[in-house]
């Protein structure tokens, strides 16, 4: 099988990441987990399954260009 390089653009807009305030409780938990695990776990969300305004794990309808 041949190996073909592929690039996709627009994948960062498919989900949104939750950014915590510096003085919030969630940010403290995230920093402690970063010290333990070696990386900072993040929370992300997409749109809802039945209502586009709600949160869910379905990706947002954004174009992804593959070259």
N, C-alpha and C. Protein backbone atom coordinates (compact mmCIF):
# COMPACT_ATOMS: atom_id res chain seq x y z
N UNK A 1 0.85 -1.18 0.00
CA UNK A 1 0.00 0.00 0.00
C UNK A 1 0.89 1.24 0.00
N UNK A 2 0.54 2.20 -0.82
CA UNK A 2 1.27 3.46 -0.89
C UNK A 2 0.82 4.38 0.23
N UNK A 3 1.75 5.17 0.71
CA UNK A 3 1.46 6.14 1.76
C UNK A 3 1.31 7.51 1.11
N UNK A 4 0.15 8.13 1.29
CA UNK A 4 -0.15 9.40 0.65
C UNK A 4 -0.33 10.47 1.73
N UNK A 5 0.43 11.56 1.68
CA UNK A 5 0.23 12.62 2.68
C UNK A 5 -1.09 13.36 2.45
N UNK A 6 -1.79 13.61 3.53
CA UNK A 6 -3.09 14.28 3.47
C UNK A 6 -3.12 15.38 4.53
N UNK A 7 -3.59 16.56 4.18
CA UNK A 7 -3.75 17.68 5.10
C UNK A 7 -5.22 18.07 5.13
N UNK A 8 -5.73 18.32 6.32
CA UNK A 8 -7.11 18.78 6.47
C UNK A 8 -7.10 20.13 7.19
N UNK A 9 -7.89 21.05 6.67
CA UNK A 9 -8.00 22.39 7.24
C UNK A 9 -9.43 22.61 7.74
N UNK A 10 -9.56 23.25 8.88
CA UNK A 10 -10.87 23.56 9.42
C UNK A 10 -11.30 22.65 10.55
N UNK A 11 -10.44 21.72 10.97
CA UNK A 11 -10.81 20.79 12.03
C UNK A 11 -10.91 21.47 13.39
N UNK A 12 -10.21 22.56 13.59
CA UNK A 12 -10.24 23.26 14.89
C UNK A 12 -11.58 23.95 15.14
N UNK A 13 -12.36 24.21 14.10
CA UNK A 13 -13.64 24.88 14.26
C UNK A 13 -14.80 23.91 14.47
N UNK A 14 -14.55 22.62 14.42
CA UNK A 14 -15.61 21.62 14.54
C UNK A 14 -16.09 21.49 15.98
N UNK A 15 -15.21 21.66 16.95
CA UNK A 15 -15.56 21.63 18.37
C UNK A 15 -15.06 22.90 19.04
N UNK A 16 -15.71 23.27 20.14
CA UNK A 16 -15.28 24.41 20.94
C UNK A 16 -14.73 23.90 22.27
N UNK A 17 -13.66 24.53 22.74
CA UNK A 17 -13.04 24.15 23.99
C UNK A 17 -13.49 25.10 25.09
N UNK A 18 -13.75 24.54 26.28
CA UNK A 18 -14.10 25.37 27.42
C UNK A 18 -12.82 25.95 28.03
N UNK A 19 -12.75 27.26 28.13
CA UNK A 19 -11.61 27.95 28.72
C UNK A 19 -12.03 28.43 30.10
N UNK A 20 -11.33 27.97 31.13
CA UNK A 20 -11.67 28.32 32.50
C UNK A 20 -10.95 29.61 32.91
N UNK A 21 -11.60 30.40 33.77
CA UNK A 21 -10.96 31.59 34.33
C UNK A 21 -9.82 31.16 35.24
N UNK A 22 -8.82 32.04 35.39
CA UNK A 22 -7.64 31.70 36.20
C UNK A 22 -7.97 31.47 37.67
N UNK A 23 -8.99 32.12 38.19
CA UNK A 23 -9.31 32.00 39.60
C UNK A 23 -10.47 31.03 39.87
N UNK A 24 -10.84 30.22 38.91
CA UNK A 24 -11.96 29.31 39.09
C UNK A 24 -11.50 27.99 39.69
N UNK A 25 -12.47 27.26 40.25
CA UNK A 25 -12.20 25.96 40.86
C UNK A 25 -11.79 24.94 39.80
N UNK A 26 -12.42 25.00 38.62
CA UNK A 26 -12.10 24.08 37.54
C UNK A 26 -10.67 24.25 37.04
N UNK A 27 -10.19 25.49 37.02
CA UNK A 27 -8.81 25.74 36.59
C UNK A 27 -7.81 25.14 37.57
N UNK A 28 -8.14 25.21 38.87
CA UNK A 28 -7.28 24.60 39.89
C UNK A 28 -7.21 23.09 39.70
N UNK A 29 -8.35 22.47 39.45
CA UNK A 29 -8.39 21.02 39.21
C UNK A 29 -7.59 20.68 37.95
N UNK A 30 -7.73 21.48 36.91
CA UNK A 30 -7.02 21.23 35.66
C UNK A 30 -5.50 21.33 35.87
N UNK A 31 -5.05 22.29 36.65
CA UNK A 31 -3.61 22.45 36.90
C UNK A 31 -3.07 21.31 37.75
N UNK A 32 -3.85 20.83 38.72
CA UNK A 32 -3.40 19.69 39.53
C UNK A 32 -3.31 18.43 38.69
N UNK A 33 -4.29 18.22 37.82
CA UNK A 33 -4.22 17.06 36.93
C UNK A 33 -3.04 17.18 35.96
N UNK A 34 -2.69 18.39 35.58
CA UNK A 34 -1.55 18.60 34.69
C UNK A 34 -0.26 18.18 35.38
N UNK A 35 -0.13 18.48 36.67
CA UNK A 35 1.07 18.09 37.41
C UNK A 35 1.14 16.57 37.57
N UNK A 36 -0.02 15.94 37.77
CA UNK A 36 -0.04 14.49 37.98
C UNK A 36 0.15 13.74 36.65
N UNK A 37 -0.60 14.13 35.62
CA UNK A 37 -0.61 13.39 34.36
C UNK A 37 0.48 13.82 33.38
N UNK A 38 0.94 15.06 33.50
CA UNK A 38 1.93 15.58 32.57
C UNK A 38 1.32 16.34 31.41
N UNK A 39 -0.01 16.38 31.32
CA UNK A 39 -0.70 17.18 30.31
C UNK A 39 -1.99 17.71 30.93
N UNK A 40 -2.48 18.80 30.37
CA UNK A 40 -3.69 19.41 30.90
C UNK A 40 -4.91 18.87 30.16
N UNK A 41 -5.77 18.09 30.83
CA UNK A 41 -6.98 17.63 30.17
C UNK A 41 -7.93 18.80 29.90
N UNK A 42 -8.61 18.74 28.77
CA UNK A 42 -9.51 19.83 28.42
C UNK A 42 -10.92 19.29 28.21
N UNK A 43 -11.89 20.17 28.33
CA UNK A 43 -13.28 19.84 28.06
C UNK A 43 -13.70 20.53 26.77
N UNK A 44 -14.41 19.80 25.93
CA UNK A 44 -14.85 20.35 24.66
C UNK A 44 -16.31 19.98 24.44
N UNK A 45 -16.94 20.69 23.52
CA UNK A 45 -18.33 20.42 23.20
C UNK A 45 -18.62 20.79 21.76
N UNK A 46 -19.66 20.17 21.25
CA UNK A 46 -20.17 20.48 19.92
C UNK A 46 -21.62 20.90 20.04
N UNK A 47 -22.40 20.67 19.01
CA UNK A 47 -23.81 21.04 19.08
C UNK A 47 -24.63 19.83 19.52
N UNK A 48 -25.86 20.10 19.89
CA UNK A 48 -26.75 19.04 20.34
C UNK A 48 -27.27 18.21 19.18
N UNK A 49 -27.78 17.05 19.49
CA UNK A 49 -28.25 16.14 18.46
C UNK A 49 -29.55 16.62 17.83
N UNK A 50 -30.46 17.14 18.64
CA UNK A 50 -31.77 17.55 18.13
C UNK A 50 -31.93 19.06 18.02
N UNK A 51 -31.21 19.82 18.86
CA UNK A 51 -31.31 21.28 18.84
C UNK A 51 -29.92 21.87 18.61
N UNK A 52 -29.71 22.62 17.54
CA UNK A 52 -28.37 23.16 17.27
C UNK A 52 -27.88 24.15 18.32
N UNK A 53 -28.78 24.75 19.10
CA UNK A 53 -28.37 25.73 20.10
C UNK A 53 -27.84 25.06 21.37
N UNK A 54 -28.16 23.78 21.58
CA UNK A 54 -27.75 23.10 22.80
C UNK A 54 -26.34 22.52 22.66
N UNK A 55 -25.77 22.09 23.79
CA UNK A 55 -24.45 21.49 23.80
C UNK A 55 -24.57 19.99 23.60
N UNK A 56 -23.56 19.40 23.01
CA UNK A 56 -23.54 17.96 22.82
C UNK A 56 -22.19 17.52 22.29
N UNK A 57 -22.13 16.28 21.83
CA UNK A 57 -20.88 15.74 21.29
C UNK A 57 -20.89 15.64 19.77
N UNK A 58 -21.97 16.07 19.15
CA UNK A 58 -22.04 16.08 17.69
C UNK A 58 -21.23 17.29 17.20
N UNK A 59 -20.34 17.13 16.23
CA UNK A 59 -19.54 18.27 15.75
C UNK A 59 -20.41 19.34 15.08
N UNK A 60 -19.92 20.58 15.18
CA UNK A 60 -20.61 21.68 14.50
C UNK A 60 -20.47 21.50 12.98
N UNK A 61 -21.44 22.04 12.25
CA UNK A 61 -21.41 21.97 10.78
C UNK A 61 -20.47 23.05 10.25
N UNK A 62 -19.22 22.72 10.12
CA UNK A 62 -18.20 23.60 9.57
C UNK A 62 -17.50 22.87 8.44
N UNK A 63 -17.11 23.57 7.40
CA UNK A 63 -16.44 22.90 6.29
C UNK A 63 -15.03 22.44 6.65
N UNK A 64 -14.66 21.24 6.26
CA UNK A 64 -13.31 20.71 6.43
C UNK A 64 -12.77 20.44 5.02
N UNK A 65 -11.68 21.12 4.69
CA UNK A 65 -11.07 20.99 3.38
C UNK A 65 -9.90 20.02 3.48
N UNK A 66 -9.93 18.96 2.71
CA UNK A 66 -8.86 17.97 2.71
C UNK A 66 -8.09 18.06 1.40
N UNK A 67 -6.76 18.19 1.52
CA UNK A 67 -5.90 18.31 0.35
C UNK A 67 -4.95 17.12 0.32
